[in-house]
C-alpha atoms as a PDB file:
ATOM      1  CA  MET A   1      10.104  77.696   0.239  1.00  0.00           C
ATOM      2  CA  ALA A   2       9.546  73.983  -0.185  1.00  0.00           C
ATOM      3  CA  VAL A   3      12.584  71.757   0.043  1.00  0.00           C
ATOM      4  CA  THR A   4      13.094  69.026  -2.542  1.00  0.00           C
ATOM      5  CA  VAL A   5      12.951  65.469  -1.195  1.00  0.00           C
ATOM      6  CA  THR A   6      14.325  62.649  -3.332  1.00  0.00           C
ATOM      7  CA  VAL A   7      13.836  58.970  -2.558  1.00  0.00           C
ATOM      8  CA  TYR A   8      15.585  56.189  -4.447  1.00  0.00           C
ATOM      9  CA  SER A   9      13.529  53.071  -3.832  1.00  0.00           C
ATOM     10  CA  THR A  10      12.153  49.798  -5.055  1.00  0.00           C
ATOM     11  CA  ARG A  11       8.514  48.930  -5.322  1.00  0.00           C
ATOM     12  CA  PHE A  12       8.154  46.218  -2.698  1.00  0.00           C
ATOM     13  CA  CYS A  13      10.926  46.984  -0.188  1.00  0.00           C
ATOM     14  CA  PRO A  14       9.259  47.288   3.242  1.00  0.00           C
ATOM     15  CA  TYR A  15      11.652  50.072   4.275  1.00  0.00           C
ATOM     16  CA  CYS A  16      10.849  51.982   1.080  1.00  0.00           C
ATOM     17  CA  ILE A  17       7.135  51.586   1.766  1.00  0.00           C
ATOM     18  CA  ALA A  18       7.634  52.839   5.333  1.00  0.00           C
ATOM     19  CA  ALA A  19       9.656  55.851   4.130  1.00  0.00           C
ATOM     20  CA  ARG A  20       6.999  56.772   1.562  1.00  0.00           C
ATOM     21  CA  ARG A  21       4.294  56.437   4.227  1.00  0.00           C
ATOM     22  CA  LEU A  22       6.163  58.632   6.721  1.00  0.00           C
ATOM     23  CA  LEU A  23       6.700  61.370   4.143  1.00  0.00           C
ATOM     24  CA  LYS A  24       3.103  61.174   2.887  1.00  0.00           C
ATOM     25  CA  ASP A  25       1.763  61.310   6.460  1.00  0.00           C
ATOM     26  CA  LYS A  26       3.710  64.547   6.906  1.00  0.00           C
ATOM     27  CA  GLY A  27       2.209  65.913   3.683  1.00  0.00           C
ATOM     28  CA  VAL A  28       5.621  66.106   2.038  1.00  0.00           C
ATOM     29  CA  ALA A  29       5.833  65.869  -1.734  1.00  0.00           C
ATOM     30  CA  PHE A  30       8.837  63.877  -2.913  1.00  0.00           C
ATOM     31  CA  GLU A  31      10.440  62.699  -6.104  1.00  0.00           C
ATOM     32  CA  GLU A  32      10.669  58.930  -6.168  1.00  0.00           C
ATOM     33  CA  LEU A  33      13.276  57.286  -8.361  1.00  0.00           C
ATOM     34  CA  ALA A  34      12.526  53.581  -8.727  1.00  0.00           C
ATOM     35  CA  VAL A  35      15.688  51.551  -9.165  1.00  0.00           C
ATOM     36  CA  ASP A  36      13.869  48.236  -9.765  1.00  0.00           C
ATOM     37  CA  GLY A  37      15.461  46.747 -12.869  1.00  0.00           C
ATOM     38  CA  ASN A  38      17.262  49.993 -13.664  1.00  0.00           C
ATOM     39  CA  ALA A  39      20.980  49.301 -13.305  1.00  0.00           C
ATOM     40  CA  ALA A  40      22.007  52.807 -14.386  1.00  0.00           C
ATOM     41  CA  LEU A  41      19.763  54.503 -11.821  1.00  0.00           C
ATOM     42  CA  ARG A  42      20.901  52.109  -9.074  1.00  0.00           C
ATOM     43  CA  ALA A  43      24.540  52.851 -10.000  1.00  0.00           C
ATOM     44  CA  GLU A  44      23.797  56.592  -9.805  1.00  0.00           C
ATOM     45  CA  MET A  45      22.255  56.105  -6.342  1.00  0.00           C
ATOM     46  CA  THR A  46      25.200  54.006  -5.161  1.00  0.00           C
ATOM     47  CA  GLU A  47      27.710  56.574  -6.367  1.00  0.00           C
ATOM     48  CA  LYS A  48      25.848  59.470  -4.724  1.00  0.00           C
ATOM     49  CA  ALA A  49      25.053  57.683  -1.448  1.00  0.00           C
ATOM     50  CA  GLY A  50      27.987  55.340  -1.124  1.00  0.00           C
ATOM     51  CA  ARG A  51      25.423  52.653  -0.309  1.00  0.00           C
ATOM     52  CA  THR A  52      23.664  49.983  -2.322  1.00  0.00           C
ATOM     53  CA  SER A  53      20.602  49.500  -0.110  1.00  0.00           C
ATOM     54  CA  VAL A  54      17.241  51.189  -0.578  1.00  0.00           C
ATOM     55  CA  PRO A  55      15.720  53.520   0.239  1.00  0.00           C
ATOM     56  CA  GLN A  56      18.277  56.285  -0.029  1.00  0.00           C
ATOM     57  CA  ILE A  57      16.794  59.646   0.850  1.00  0.00           C
ATOM     58  CA  TRP A  58      17.887  63.236   0.292  1.00  0.00           C
ATOM     59  CA  VAL A  59      16.320  66.349   1.758  1.00  0.00           C
ATOM     60  CA  GLY A  60      17.567  69.130  -0.431  1.00  0.00           C
ATOM     61  CA  ASP A  61      21.269  68.431  -0.939  1.00  0.00           C
ATOM     62  CA  GLN A  62      21.600  66.594   2.379  1.00  0.00           C
ATOM     63  CA  HIS A  63      21.797  62.811   2.230  1.00  0.00           C
ATOM     64  CA  VAL A  64      19.639  61.584   5.112  1.00  0.00           C
ATOM     65  CA  GLY A  65      20.367  57.888   4.567  1.00  0.00           C
ATOM     66  CA  GLY A  66      17.792  55.128   4.667  1.00  0.00           C
ATOM     67  CA  PHE A  67      14.516  54.642   6.491  1.00  0.00           C
ATOM     68  CA  ASP A  68      16.143  54.038   9.876  1.00  0.00           C
ATOM     69  CA  GLU A  69      17.886  57.412   9.709  1.00  0.00           C
ATOM     70  CA  LEU A  70      14.726  59.119   8.418  1.00  0.00           C
ATOM     71  CA  ALA A  71      12.684  57.679  11.300  1.00  0.00           C
ATOM     72  CA  ALA A  72      15.353  58.683  13.847  1.00  0.00           C
ATOM     73  CA  LEU A  73      15.291  62.259  12.514  1.00  0.00           C
ATOM     74  CA  ASP A  74      11.510  62.236  12.794  1.00  0.00           C
ATOM     75  CA  ARG A  75      11.581  60.971  16.398  1.00  0.00           C
ATOM     76  CA  SER A  76      14.096  63.666  17.366  1.00  0.00           C
ATOM     77  CA  GLY A  77      12.073  66.442  15.702  1.00  0.00           C
ATOM     78  CA  ARG A  78      14.939  67.268  13.341  1.00  0.00           C
ATOM     79  CA  LEU A  79      13.103  65.970  10.259  1.00  0.00           C
ATOM     80  CA  ASP A  80      10.491  68.709  10.516  1.00  0.00           C
ATOM     81  CA  GLU A  81      13.314  71.274  10.695  1.00  0.00           C
ATOM     82  CA  LEU A  82      14.991  69.827   7.589  1.00  0.00           C
ATOM     83  CA  LEU A  83      11.681  69.791   5.746  1.00  0.00           C
ATOM     84  CA  GLY A  84      10.854  73.333   6.798  1.00  0.00           C
ATOM     85  CA  LEU A  85       7.786  72.149   8.727  1.00  0.00           C
ATOM     86  CA  SER A  86       8.831  73.548  12.108  1.00  0.00           C
ATOM     87  CA  ALA A  87       6.360  75.948  13.610  1.00  0.00           C
ATOM     88  CA  SER A  88       7.625  79.499  13.880  1.00  0.00           C
ATOM     89  CA  PRO A  89       7.545  81.102  17.355  1.00  0.00           C
END
Protein backbone atom coordinates (compact mmCIF):
# COMPACT_ATOMS: atom_id res chain seq x y z
CA MET A 1 0.00 0.00 0.00
CA ALA A 2 1.40 3.37 -0.99
CA VAL A 3 2.00 5.85 1.78
CA THR A 4 0.87 9.45 1.34
CA VAL A 5 3.67 12.03 1.23
CA THR A 6 2.80 15.69 1.73
CA VAL A 7 5.21 18.55 1.12
CA TYR A 8 4.47 22.14 2.05
CA SER A 9 6.80 24.26 -0.05
CA THR A 10 7.47 27.40 -2.00
CA ARG A 11 8.33 27.56 -5.64
CA PHE A 12 11.90 28.82 -5.55
CA CYS A 13 13.21 27.66 -2.16
CA PRO A 14 16.39 25.64 -2.84
CA TYR A 15 15.58 23.21 -0.01
CA CYS A 16 12.10 22.67 -1.44
CA ILE A 17 13.60 22.01 -4.87
CA ALA A 18 16.05 19.52 -3.34
CA ALA A 19 13.26 17.74 -1.43
CA ARG A 20 11.12 17.45 -4.57
CA ARG A 21 14.13 16.12 -6.51
CA LEU A 22 14.96 13.51 -3.85
CA LEU A 23 11.38 12.24 -3.76
CA LYS A 24 11.07 12.22 -7.56
CA ASP A 25 14.39 10.36 -7.90
CA LYS A 26 12.95 7.68 -5.62
CA GLY A 27 9.82 7.50 -7.77
CA VAL A 28 7.63 8.68 -4.91
CA ALA A 29 4.40 10.49 -5.71
CA PHE A 30 3.68 13.34 -3.32
CA GLU A 31 1.11 16.02 -2.72
CA GLU A 32 2.70 19.44 -2.87
CA LEU A 33 1.01 22.32 -1.09
CA ALA A 34 2.50 25.62 -2.25
CA VAL A 35 2.41 28.23 0.49
CA ASP A 36 3.72 31.07 -1.73
CA GLY A 37 1.37 33.99 -1.14
CA ASN A 38 -1.13 31.78 0.68
CA ALA A 39 -1.23 32.99 4.28
CA ALA A 40 -3.94 30.52 5.31
CA LEU A 41 -2.03 27.51 3.98
CA ARG A 42 1.22 28.73 5.57
CA ALA A 43 -0.63 29.17 8.89
CA GLU A 44 -1.99 25.62 8.58
CA MET A 45 1.56 24.32 7.96
CA THR A 46 2.95 26.28 10.90
CA GLU A 47 0.26 24.99 13.23
CA LYS A 48 0.76 21.37 12.14
CA ALA A 49 4.58 21.45 12.07
CA GLY A 50 5.34 23.98 14.76
CA ARG A 51 7.75 25.53 12.26
CA THR A 52 7.53 28.39 9.79
CA SER A 53 10.27 27.30 7.39
CA VAL A 54 9.76 25.33 4.19
CA PRO A 55 9.73 22.61 3.16
CA GLN A 56 7.76 20.77 5.80
CA ILE A 57 7.31 17.13 4.92
CA TRP A 58 5.00 14.38 6.15
CA VAL A 59 5.20 10.70 5.32
CA GLY A 60 1.80 9.37 6.20
CA ASP A 61 0.95 10.93 9.56
CA GLN A 62 4.60 11.27 10.58
CA HIS A 63 6.13 14.73 10.38
CA VAL A 64 9.61 14.21 8.95
CA GLY A 65 10.65 17.87 9.16
CA GLY A 66 12.47 19.77 6.46
CA PHE A 67 14.92 18.80 3.74
CA ASP A 68 17.82 18.27 6.13
CA GLU A 69 15.83 15.68 8.08
CA LEU A 70 14.55 14.07 4.86
CA ALA A 71 18.11 13.76 3.52
CA ALA A 72 19.37 12.34 6.84
CA LEU A 73 16.61 9.70 6.77
CA ASP A 74 17.60 8.86 3.20
CA ARG A 75 21.30 8.51 4.10
CA SER A 76 20.45 6.21 7.02
CA GLY A 77 18.15 4.03 4.89
CA ARG A 78 15.16 4.83 7.11
CA LEU A 79 13.41 6.90 4.42
CA ASP A 80 12.92 3.84 2.23
CA GLU A 81 11.38 2.04 5.23
CA LEU A 82 8.99 4.94 5.89
CA LEU A 83 8.04 5.07 2.22
CA GLY A 84 7.53 1.33 2.03
CA LEU A 85 10.34 0.98 -0.52
CA SER A 86 12.46 -1.45 1.50
CA ALA A 87 13.18 -4.69 -0.26
CA SER A 88 11.58 -7.71 1.35
CA PRO A 89 13.91 -10.59 2.33
